[in-house]
Amino acid sequence: ILGISFGFYLIFLLVSYYMADLNYSKAEKASQIGDYQAAVSYLDKAIKLHNSHIYLNSYSLNLANLAVLSSYQSDKSQTQDLIELSLQKSDMAISKSPKNISYWKNKSKIEYLFYQINPEDRKYIDKAVETLRKAQELSPTDPKIPYSLSIFYTILYEFPEQQNMQQS
């Protein structure tokens, strides 16, 4: 009886992993065509079946894209909720796999998206720089990190000019 129970449990786990991966695959396809709402829905199902840091990382980026879309609709409450949830899921992915450089770069991309929602506030671009600095510590030879940092530093350099132009 113990062997049969273990066998059923093993089958249940395998089916759960399979269903989670199937939902993740559907989410990636939806994300590629810009259907972030569907991607988030599929990833939510995948995470409920198997709480994987891979799914969390993708979930956080799709939530960030939804936050950007929500900001265009002037729904500040929903936008803020999506921002907070996206950052939370990104931090969860990083905590589960802290040396995964892709997760750190993804988080900086998310923070850059949030900067674009409110370009008058440099909080998120500062966080993006800080996140990329951590990524650079983990992977000092990654050529995309200095490139992205240069873009962020250019934004920060031009930030006082943008503020002056908006005040005029």
N, C-alpha and C. Protein backbone atom coordinates (compact mmCIF):
# COMPACT_ATOMS: atom_id res chain seq x y z
N ILE A 1 0.83 -1.19 0.00
CA ILE A 1 0.00 0.00 0.00
C ILE A 1 0.88 1.25 0.00
N LEU A 2 1.96 1.23 0.75
CA LEU A 2 2.86 2.38 0.80
C LEU A 2 3.48 2.63 -0.58
N GLY A 3 3.82 1.57 -1.28
CA GLY A 3 4.40 1.69 -2.61
C GLY A 3 3.42 2.27 -3.61
N ILE A 4 2.17 1.86 -3.51
CA ILE A 4 1.13 2.38 -4.42
C ILE A 4 0.89 3.86 -4.14
N SER A 5 0.84 4.22 -2.86
CA SER A 5 0.64 5.62 -2.48
C SER A 5 1.79 6.48 -3.00
N PHE A 6 3.00 5.98 -2.83
CA PHE A 6 4.17 6.71 -3.31
C PHE A 6 4.12 6.85 -4.84
N GLY A 7 3.69 5.80 -5.51
CA GLY A 7 3.57 5.83 -6.97
C GLY A 7 2.57 6.88 -7.44
N PHE A 8 1.41 6.95 -6.78
CA PHE A 8 0.41 7.97 -7.13
C PHE A 8 0.94 9.37 -6.85
N TYR A 9 1.65 9.51 -5.74
CA TYR A 9 2.22 10.81 -5.40
C TYR A 9 3.24 11.24 -6.45
N LEU A 10 4.06 10.31 -6.88
CA LEU A 10 5.05 10.59 -7.91
C LEU A 10 4.39 10.98 -9.24
N ILE A 11 3.36 10.28 -9.61
CA ILE A 11 2.61 10.61 -10.83
C ILE A 11 1.99 12.00 -10.71
N PHE A 12 1.43 12.28 -9.53
CA PHE A 12 0.85 13.61 -9.30
C PHE A 12 1.90 14.70 -9.47
N LEU A 13 3.09 14.51 -8.91
CA LEU A 13 4.16 15.51 -9.04
C LEU A 13 4.57 15.70 -10.50
N LEU A 14 4.71 14.60 -11.21
CA LEU A 14 5.11 14.70 -12.62
C LEU A 14 4.06 15.42 -13.46
N VAL A 15 2.82 15.12 -13.22
CA VAL A 15 1.73 15.79 -13.95
C VAL A 15 1.70 17.27 -13.58
N SER A 16 1.93 17.60 -12.32
CA SER A 16 1.96 19.01 -11.89
C SER A 16 3.08 19.76 -12.59
N TYR A 17 4.27 19.17 -12.64
CA TYR A 17 5.40 19.81 -13.32
C TYR A 17 5.09 20.00 -14.81
N TYR A 18 4.51 18.97 -15.40
CA TYR A 18 4.18 19.04 -16.82
C TYR A 18 3.17 20.15 -17.09
N MET A 19 2.12 20.22 -16.28
CA MET A 19 1.10 21.25 -16.46
C MET A 19 1.68 22.64 -16.22
N ALA A 20 2.55 22.76 -15.24
CA ALA A 20 3.19 24.05 -14.97
C ALA A 20 4.04 24.47 -16.17
N ASP A 21 4.81 23.56 -16.71
CA ASP A 21 5.64 23.88 -17.88
C ASP A 21 4.80 24.20 -19.10
N LEU A 22 3.69 23.53 -19.24
CA LEU A 22 2.78 23.82 -20.35
C LEU A 22 2.23 25.24 -20.24
N ASN A 23 1.83 25.63 -19.03
CA ASN A 23 1.35 27.00 -18.81
C ASN A 23 2.47 28.02 -19.01
N TYR A 24 3.66 27.68 -18.59
CA TYR A 24 4.81 28.59 -18.79
C TYR A 24 5.07 28.78 -20.29
N SER A 25 5.01 27.72 -21.04
CA SER A 25 5.22 27.81 -22.49
C SER A 25 4.15 28.70 -23.14
N LYS A 26 2.91 28.53 -22.74
CA LYS A 26 1.84 29.37 -23.27
C LYS A 26 2.06 30.83 -22.88
N ALA A 27 2.55 31.05 -21.67
CA ALA A 27 2.81 32.41 -21.20
C ALA A 27 3.92 33.07 -22.02
N GLU A 28 4.96 32.31 -22.31
CA GLU A 28 6.06 32.87 -23.11
C GLU A 28 5.57 33.26 -24.51
N LYS A 29 4.75 32.42 -25.09
CA LYS A 29 4.19 32.74 -26.42
C LYS A 29 3.31 33.98 -26.35
N ALA A 30 2.47 34.07 -25.34
CA ALA A 30 1.60 35.24 -25.19
C ALA A 30 2.42 36.51 -24.97
N SER A 31 3.48 36.39 -24.19
CA SER A 31 4.34 37.54 -23.92
C SER A 31 5.04 38.02 -25.20
N GLN A 32 5.47 37.09 -26.02
CA GLN A 32 6.16 37.45 -27.26
C GLN A 32 5.28 38.24 -28.21
N ILE A 33 3.97 38.02 -28.16
CA ILE A 33 3.08 38.77 -29.05
C ILE A 33 2.45 39.98 -28.34
N GLY A 34 2.89 40.24 -27.10
CA GLY A 34 2.43 41.41 -26.38
C GLY A 34 1.13 41.23 -25.62
N ASP A 35 0.68 40.00 -25.46
CA ASP A 35 -0.54 39.73 -24.70
C ASP A 35 -0.15 39.45 -23.25
N TYR A 36 0.21 40.52 -22.54
CA TYR A 36 0.74 40.38 -21.18
C TYR A 36 -0.31 39.89 -20.19
N GLN A 37 -1.56 40.25 -20.42
CA GLN A 37 -2.63 39.80 -19.53
C GLN A 37 -2.75 38.27 -19.57
N ALA A 38 -2.74 37.71 -20.77
CA ALA A 38 -2.80 36.25 -20.90
C ALA A 38 -1.54 35.61 -20.32
N ALA A 39 -0.40 36.23 -20.57
CA ALA A 39 0.87 35.69 -20.04
C ALA A 39 0.83 35.63 -18.51
N VAL A 40 0.35 36.70 -17.89
CA VAL A 40 0.25 36.73 -16.43
C VAL A 40 -0.71 35.64 -15.94
N SER A 41 -1.80 35.46 -16.64
CA SER A 41 -2.77 34.43 -16.25
C SER A 41 -2.15 33.04 -16.32
N TYR A 42 -1.46 32.74 -17.42
CA TYR A 42 -0.80 31.44 -17.55
C TYR A 42 0.30 31.25 -16.50
N LEU A 43 1.06 32.30 -16.25
CA LEU A 43 2.14 32.20 -15.26
C LEU A 43 1.59 32.03 -13.85
N ASP A 44 0.46 32.66 -13.58
CA ASP A 44 -0.18 32.49 -12.28
C ASP A 44 -0.55 31.03 -12.07
N LYS A 45 -1.09 30.41 -13.11
CA LYS A 45 -1.43 28.98 -13.03
C LYS A 45 -0.17 28.13 -12.84
N ALA A 46 0.88 28.46 -13.59
CA ALA A 46 2.13 27.70 -13.50
C ALA A 46 2.72 27.78 -12.10
N ILE A 47 2.70 28.98 -11.51
CA ILE A 47 3.28 29.17 -10.18
C ILE A 47 2.46 28.43 -9.12
N LYS A 48 1.15 28.37 -9.30
CA LYS A 48 0.32 27.62 -8.35
C LYS A 48 0.62 26.13 -8.40
N LEU A 49 0.99 25.65 -9.59
CA LEU A 49 1.33 24.23 -9.74
C LEU A 49 2.76 23.92 -9.28
N HIS A 50 3.66 24.85 -9.54
CA HIS A 50 5.07 24.64 -9.18
C HIS A 50 5.72 26.01 -9.00
N ASN A 51 6.04 26.35 -7.78
CA ASN A 51 6.58 27.67 -7.46
C ASN A 51 8.06 27.75 -7.83
N SER A 52 8.32 27.95 -9.10
CA SER A 52 9.68 27.97 -9.62
C SER A 52 10.18 29.40 -9.80
N HIS A 53 11.46 29.63 -9.52
CA HIS A 53 12.04 30.97 -9.70
C HIS A 53 12.05 31.37 -11.17
N ILE A 54 12.07 30.41 -12.07
CA ILE A 54 12.02 30.72 -13.50
C ILE A 54 10.67 31.35 -13.84
N TYR A 55 9.62 30.78 -13.31
CA TYR A 55 8.28 31.31 -13.55
C TYR A 55 8.12 32.68 -12.90
N LEU A 56 8.65 32.83 -11.69
CA LEU A 56 8.56 34.11 -10.98
C LEU A 56 9.26 35.23 -11.75
N ASN A 57 10.40 34.91 -12.32
CA ASN A 57 11.15 35.92 -13.08
C ASN A 57 10.33 36.40 -14.29
N SER A 58 9.78 35.47 -15.01
CA SER A 58 8.95 35.83 -16.17
C SER A 58 7.69 36.56 -15.72
N TYR A 59 7.11 36.10 -14.65
CA TYR A 59 5.90 36.72 -14.09
C TYR A 59 6.15 38.19 -13.77
N SER A 60 7.30 38.47 -13.14
CA SER A 60 7.60 39.85 -12.75
C SER A 60 7.73 40.77 -13.96
N LEU A 61 8.35 40.30 -15.03
CA LEU A 61 8.49 41.14 -16.22
C LEU A 61 7.15 41.37 -16.90
N ASN A 62 6.31 40.35 -16.96
CA ASN A 62 4.99 40.52 -17.56
C ASN A 62 4.11 41.45 -16.72
N LEU A 63 4.23 41.37 -15.40
CA LEU A 63 3.50 42.30 -14.54
C LEU A 63 3.98 43.74 -14.76
N ALA A 64 5.28 43.90 -14.96
CA ALA A 64 5.82 45.24 -15.22
C ALA A 64 5.28 45.80 -16.53
N ASN A 65 5.20 44.96 -17.54
CA ASN A 65 4.63 45.42 -18.81
C ASN A 65 3.16 45.77 -18.66
N LEU A 66 2.44 45.02 -17.84
CA LEU A 66 1.04 45.36 -17.56
C LEU A 66 0.94 46.69 -16.82
N ALA A 67 1.88 46.95 -15.93
CA ALA A 67 1.89 48.22 -15.19
C ALA A 67 2.06 49.39 -16.16
N VAL A 68 2.94 49.22 -17.13
CA VAL A 68 3.15 50.28 -18.14
C VAL A 68 1.85 50.51 -18.91
N LEU A 69 1.22 49.44 -19.36
CA LEU A 69 -0.04 49.57 -20.09
C LEU A 69 -1.12 50.21 -19.21
N SER A 70 -1.16 49.83 -17.95
CA SER A 70 -2.13 50.39 -17.02
C SER A 70 -1.90 51.89 -16.83
N SER A 71 -0.65 52.30 -16.84
CA SER A 71 -0.34 53.73 -16.66
C SER A 71 -0.86 54.56 -17.82
N TYR A 72 -0.93 53.98 -19.02
CA TYR A 72 -1.48 54.70 -20.16
C TYR A 72 -2.98 54.91 -20.02
N GLN A 73 -3.61 54.05 -19.22
CA GLN A 73 -5.05 54.17 -19.00
C GLN A 73 -5.35 55.04 -17.78
N SER A 74 -4.31 55.62 -17.21
CA SER A 74 -4.43 56.54 -16.06
C SER A 74 -5.08 55.89 -14.85
N ASP A 75 -4.87 54.60 -14.67
CA ASP A 75 -5.37 53.90 -13.49
C ASP A 75 -4.22 53.79 -12.50
N LYS A 76 -4.04 54.85 -11.69
CA LYS A 76 -2.88 54.93 -10.81
C LYS A 76 -2.87 53.85 -9.73
N SER A 77 -4.03 53.52 -9.22
CA SER A 77 -4.11 52.51 -8.17
C SER A 77 -3.68 51.14 -8.69
N GLN A 78 -4.22 50.76 -9.84
CA GLN A 78 -3.86 49.46 -10.42
C GLN A 78 -2.39 49.46 -10.85
N THR A 79 -1.92 50.57 -11.40
CA THR A 79 -0.53 50.66 -11.82
C THR A 79 0.39 50.46 -10.62
N GLN A 80 0.09 51.12 -9.51
CA GLN A 80 0.92 51.00 -8.31
C GLN A 80 0.89 49.57 -7.77
N ASP A 81 -0.28 48.94 -7.78
CA ASP A 81 -0.39 47.55 -7.32
C ASP A 81 0.46 46.62 -8.20
N LEU A 82 0.42 46.84 -9.50
CA LEU A 82 1.20 46.01 -10.42
C LEU A 82 2.70 46.24 -10.23
N ILE A 83 3.09 47.49 -10.00
CA ILE A 83 4.51 47.80 -9.74
C ILE A 83 4.98 47.05 -8.51
N GLU A 84 4.23 47.15 -7.43
CA GLU A 84 4.63 46.50 -6.18
C GLU A 84 4.69 44.98 -6.33
N LEU A 85 3.70 44.41 -6.99
CA LEU A 85 3.68 42.95 -7.19
C LEU A 85 4.83 42.50 -8.08
N SER A 86 5.11 43.27 -9.12
CA SER A 86 6.21 42.93 -10.02
C SER A 86 7.55 42.92 -9.28
N LEU A 87 7.79 43.96 -8.49
CA LEU A 87 9.05 44.03 -7.73
C LEU A 87 9.13 42.92 -6.70
N GLN A 88 8.00 42.60 -6.09
CA GLN A 88 7.97 41.52 -5.11
C GLN A 88 8.32 40.18 -5.76
N LYS A 89 7.73 39.90 -6.92
CA LYS A 89 7.99 38.63 -7.60
C LYS A 89 9.44 38.57 -8.11
N SER A 90 9.95 39.71 -8.56
CA SER A 90 11.35 39.75 -9.01
C SER A 90 12.29 39.47 -7.84
N ASP A 91 12.01 40.08 -6.69
CA ASP A 91 12.83 39.84 -5.50
C ASP A 91 12.74 38.38 -5.04
N MET A 92 11.56 37.79 -5.19
CA MET A 92 11.41 36.37 -4.82
C MET A 92 12.25 35.48 -5.74
N ALA A 93 12.25 35.78 -7.04
CA ALA A 93 13.05 35.00 -7.98
C ALA A 93 14.53 35.13 -7.64
N ILE A 94 14.96 36.35 -7.35
CA ILE A 94 16.37 36.58 -7.02
C ILE A 94 16.74 35.90 -5.71
N SER A 95 15.84 35.92 -4.73
CA SER A 95 16.16 35.27 -3.45
C SER A 95 16.30 33.76 -3.60
N LYS A 96 15.56 33.18 -4.56
CA LYS A 96 15.65 31.74 -4.79
C LYS A 96 16.89 31.36 -5.61
N SER A 97 17.38 32.31 -6.40
CA SER A 97 18.56 32.05 -7.22
C SER A 97 19.39 33.34 -7.31
N PRO A 98 20.08 33.69 -6.21
CA PRO A 98 20.73 35.00 -6.12
C PRO A 98 21.93 35.21 -7.05
N LYS A 99 22.44 34.17 -7.63
CA LYS A 99 23.59 34.34 -8.53
C LYS A 99 23.20 34.24 -9.99
N ASN A 100 21.91 34.20 -10.26
CA ASN A 100 21.44 34.15 -11.64
C ASN A 100 21.46 35.56 -12.22
N ILE A 101 22.40 35.82 -13.07
CA ILE A 101 22.62 37.15 -13.63
C ILE A 101 21.42 37.63 -14.44
N SER A 102 20.73 36.72 -15.09
CA SER A 102 19.55 37.09 -15.88
C SER A 102 18.46 37.71 -15.02
N TYR A 103 18.32 37.23 -13.80
CA TYR A 103 17.30 37.77 -12.90
C TYR A 103 17.63 39.20 -12.49
N TRP A 104 18.91 39.46 -12.26
CA TRP A 104 19.34 40.82 -11.90
C TRP A 104 19.14 41.78 -13.08
N LYS A 105 19.50 41.32 -14.26
CA LYS A 105 19.31 42.17 -15.44
C LYS A 105 17.82 42.39 -15.72
N ASN A 106 17.03 41.37 -15.50
CA ASN A 106 15.58 41.50 -15.67
C ASN A 106 15.02 42.52 -14.69
N LYS A 107 15.50 42.49 -13.45
CA LYS A 107 15.01 43.45 -12.45
C LYS A 107 15.37 44.88 -12.86
N SER A 108 16.56 45.08 -13.41
CA SER A 108 16.93 46.44 -13.85
C SER A 108 16.05 46.88 -15.02
N LYS A 109 15.70 45.94 -15.88
CA LYS A 109 14.79 46.25 -16.99
C LYS A 109 13.41 46.65 -16.45
N ILE A 110 12.96 45.95 -15.43
CA ILE A 110 11.68 46.27 -14.80
C ILE A 110 11.73 47.66 -14.18
N GLU A 111 12.81 47.96 -13.49
CA GLU A 111 12.94 49.28 -12.86
C GLU A 111 13.01 50.38 -13.91
N TYR A 112 13.63 50.09 -15.03
CA TYR A 112 13.66 51.06 -16.13
C TYR A 112 12.25 51.28 -16.69
N LEU A 113 11.48 50.22 -16.82
CA LEU A 113 10.09 50.37 -17.26
C LEU A 113 9.31 51.26 -16.30
N PHE A 114 9.55 51.08 -15.00
CA PHE A 114 8.84 51.90 -14.01
C PHE A 114 9.29 53.35 -14.06
N TYR A 115 10.54 53.58 -14.38
CA TYR A 115 11.02 54.95 -14.58
C TYR A 115 10.25 55.59 -15.74
N GLN A 116 9.99 54.83 -16.78
CA GLN A 116 9.28 55.37 -17.94
C GLN A 116 7.83 55.74 -17.61
N ILE A 117 7.26 55.10 -16.62
CA ILE A 117 5.91 55.45 -16.18
C ILE A 117 5.89 56.86 -15.60
N ASN A 118 6.93 57.18 -14.83
CA ASN A 118 7.01 58.50 -14.19
C ASN A 118 8.43 59.05 -14.35
N PRO A 119 8.75 59.61 -15.52
CA PRO A 119 10.13 60.06 -15.77
C PRO A 119 10.55 61.29 -14.95
N GLU A 120 9.60 61.93 -14.25
CA GLU A 120 9.98 63.06 -13.40
C GLU A 120 10.64 62.59 -12.11
N ASP A 121 10.43 61.34 -11.77
CA ASP A 121 10.97 60.77 -10.54
C ASP A 121 12.12 59.84 -10.89
N ARG A 122 13.29 60.13 -10.38
CA ARG A 122 14.45 59.34 -10.74
C ARG A 122 14.67 58.13 -9.83
N LYS A 123 13.73 57.86 -8.94
CA LYS A 123 13.87 56.76 -7.98
C LYS A 123 14.15 55.42 -8.68
N TYR A 124 13.37 55.12 -9.71
CA TYR A 124 13.51 53.81 -10.34
C TYR A 124 14.75 53.72 -11.22
N ILE A 125 15.18 54.81 -11.82
CA ILE A 125 16.41 54.74 -12.62
C ILE A 125 17.62 54.58 -11.69
N ASP A 126 17.55 55.21 -10.51
CA ASP A 126 18.61 55.01 -9.51
C ASP A 126 18.66 53.56 -9.05
N LYS A 127 17.48 52.96 -8.84
CA LYS A 127 17.42 51.56 -8.44
C LYS A 127 17.93 50.65 -9.56
N ALA A 128 17.63 51.00 -10.81
CA ALA A 128 18.11 50.20 -11.94
C ALA A 128 19.63 50.20 -12.00
N VAL A 129 20.23 51.35 -11.74
CA VAL A 129 21.70 51.44 -11.71
C VAL A 129 22.25 50.57 -10.59
N GLU A 130 21.64 50.68 -9.42
CA GLU A 130 22.08 49.88 -8.28
C GLU A 130 21.97 48.38 -8.57
N THR A 131 20.88 47.98 -9.20
CA THR A 131 20.67 46.57 -9.54
C THR A 131 21.72 46.10 -10.54
N LEU A 132 22.00 46.92 -11.55
CA LEU A 132 23.02 46.53 -12.53
C LEU A 132 24.41 46.48 -11.92
N ARG A 133 24.66 47.32 -10.93
CA ARG A 133 25.96 47.26 -10.23
C ARG A 133 26.11 45.90 -9.53
N LYS A 134 25.03 45.41 -8.93
CA LYS A 134 25.07 44.09 -8.29
C LYS A 134 25.29 43.01 -9.35
N ALA A 135 24.64 43.16 -10.49
CA ALA A 135 24.81 42.20 -11.59
C ALA A 135 26.26 42.22 -12.08
N GLN A 136 26.84 43.40 -12.13
CA GLN A 136 28.22 43.53 -12.60
C GLN A 136 29.20 42.85 -11.64
N GLU A 137 28.89 42.89 -10.34
CA GLU A 137 29.72 42.19 -9.36
C GLU A 137 29.69 40.68 -9.62
N LEU A 138 28.51 40.18 -9.99
CA LEU A 138 28.36 38.75 -10.25
C LEU A 138 28.97 38.33 -11.59
N SER A 139 28.90 39.22 -12.56
CA SER A 139 29.38 38.89 -13.90
C SER A 139 30.14 40.09 -14.49
N PRO A 140 31.39 40.27 -14.07
CA PRO A 140 32.14 41.46 -14.50
C PRO A 140 32.49 41.48 -15.99
N THR A 141 32.37 40.36 -16.68
CA THR A 141 32.73 40.34 -18.10
C THR A 141 31.51 40.40 -19.03
N ASP A 142 30.34 40.51 -18.48
CA ASP A 142 29.12 40.59 -19.30
C ASP A 142 29.11 41.95 -20.02
N PRO A 143 29.18 41.95 -21.35
CA PRO A 143 29.28 43.23 -22.08
C PRO A 143 28.00 44.04 -22.11
N LYS A 144 26.86 43.42 -21.84
CA LYS A 144 25.59 44.16 -21.88
C LYS A 144 25.40 45.05 -20.65
N ILE A 145 26.04 44.70 -19.55
CA ILE A 145 25.87 45.46 -18.33
C ILE A 145 26.46 46.87 -18.46
N PRO A 146 27.72 47.02 -18.89
CA PRO A 146 28.24 48.40 -19.05
C PRO A 146 27.44 49.21 -20.08
N TYR A 147 26.96 48.54 -21.12
CA TYR A 147 26.15 49.22 -22.12
C TYR A 147 24.86 49.76 -21.48
N SER A 148 24.17 48.91 -20.73
CA SER A 148 22.94 49.34 -20.07
C SER A 148 23.22 50.43 -19.03
N LEU A 149 24.31 50.26 -18.30
CA LEU A 149 24.68 51.29 -17.32
C LEU A 149 24.93 52.63 -18.01
N SER A 150 25.57 52.59 -19.17
CA SER A 150 25.83 53.85 -19.88
C SER A 150 24.53 54.54 -20.28
N ILE A 151 23.55 53.77 -20.67
CA ILE A 151 22.24 54.35 -21.01
C ILE A 151 21.61 54.98 -19.76
N PHE A 152 21.66 54.26 -18.65
CA PHE A 152 21.06 54.78 -17.42
C PHE A 152 21.81 56.02 -16.93
N TYR A 153 23.15 56.01 -17.03
CA TYR A 153 23.92 57.18 -16.61
C TYR A 153 23.64 58.38 -17.51
N THR A 154 23.39 58.13 -18.78
CA THR A 154 23.02 59.22 -19.69
C THR A 154 21.69 59.83 -19.26
N ILE A 155 20.76 59.00 -18.89
CA ILE A 155 19.46 59.49 -18.40
C ILE A 155 19.67 60.33 -17.14
N LEU A 156 20.51 59.82 -16.23
CA LEU A 156 20.75 60.55 -14.99
C LEU A 156 21.49 61.87 -15.25
N TYR A 157 22.39 61.87 -16.21
CA TYR A 157 23.13 63.09 -16.56
C TYR A 157 22.18 64.14 -17.12
N GLU A 158 21.25 63.68 -17.94
CA GLU A 158 20.31 64.60 -18.58
C GLU A 158 19.12 64.94 -17.68
N PHE A 159 19.03 64.28 -16.54
CA PHE A 159 17.87 64.46 -15.67
C PHE A 159 17.68 65.92 -15.23
N PRO A 160 18.73 66.63 -14.76
CA PRO A 160 18.53 68.04 -14.37
C PRO A 160 18.05 68.91 -15.54
N GLU A 161 18.54 68.63 -16.76
CA GLU A 161 18.09 69.38 -17.93
C GLU A 161 16.61 69.16 -18.17
N GLN A 162 16.17 67.92 -18.04
CA GLN A 162 14.75 67.60 -18.26
C GLN A 162 13.89 68.31 -17.22
N GLN A 163 14.36 68.36 -15.99
CA GLN A 163 13.62 69.03 -14.94
C GLN A 163 13.50 70.52 -15.23
N ASN A 164 14.60 71.15 -15.68
CA ASN A 164 14.59 72.57 -15.99
C ASN A 164 13.65 72.87 -17.15
N MET A 165 13.65 72.01 -18.18
CA MET A 165 12.80 72.23 -19.34
C MET A 165 11.33 72.11 -18.96
N GLN A 166 11.00 71.20 -18.06
CA GLN A 166 9.61 71.00 -17.67
C GLN A 166 9.11 72.17 -16.81
N GLN A 167 10.02 72.79 -16.04
CA GLN A 167 9.64 73.90 -15.20
C GLN A 167 9.44 75.19 -15.98
N SER A 168 10.06 75.28 -17.15
CA SER A 168 9.96 76.51 -17.97
C SER A 168 8.62 76.65 -18.62
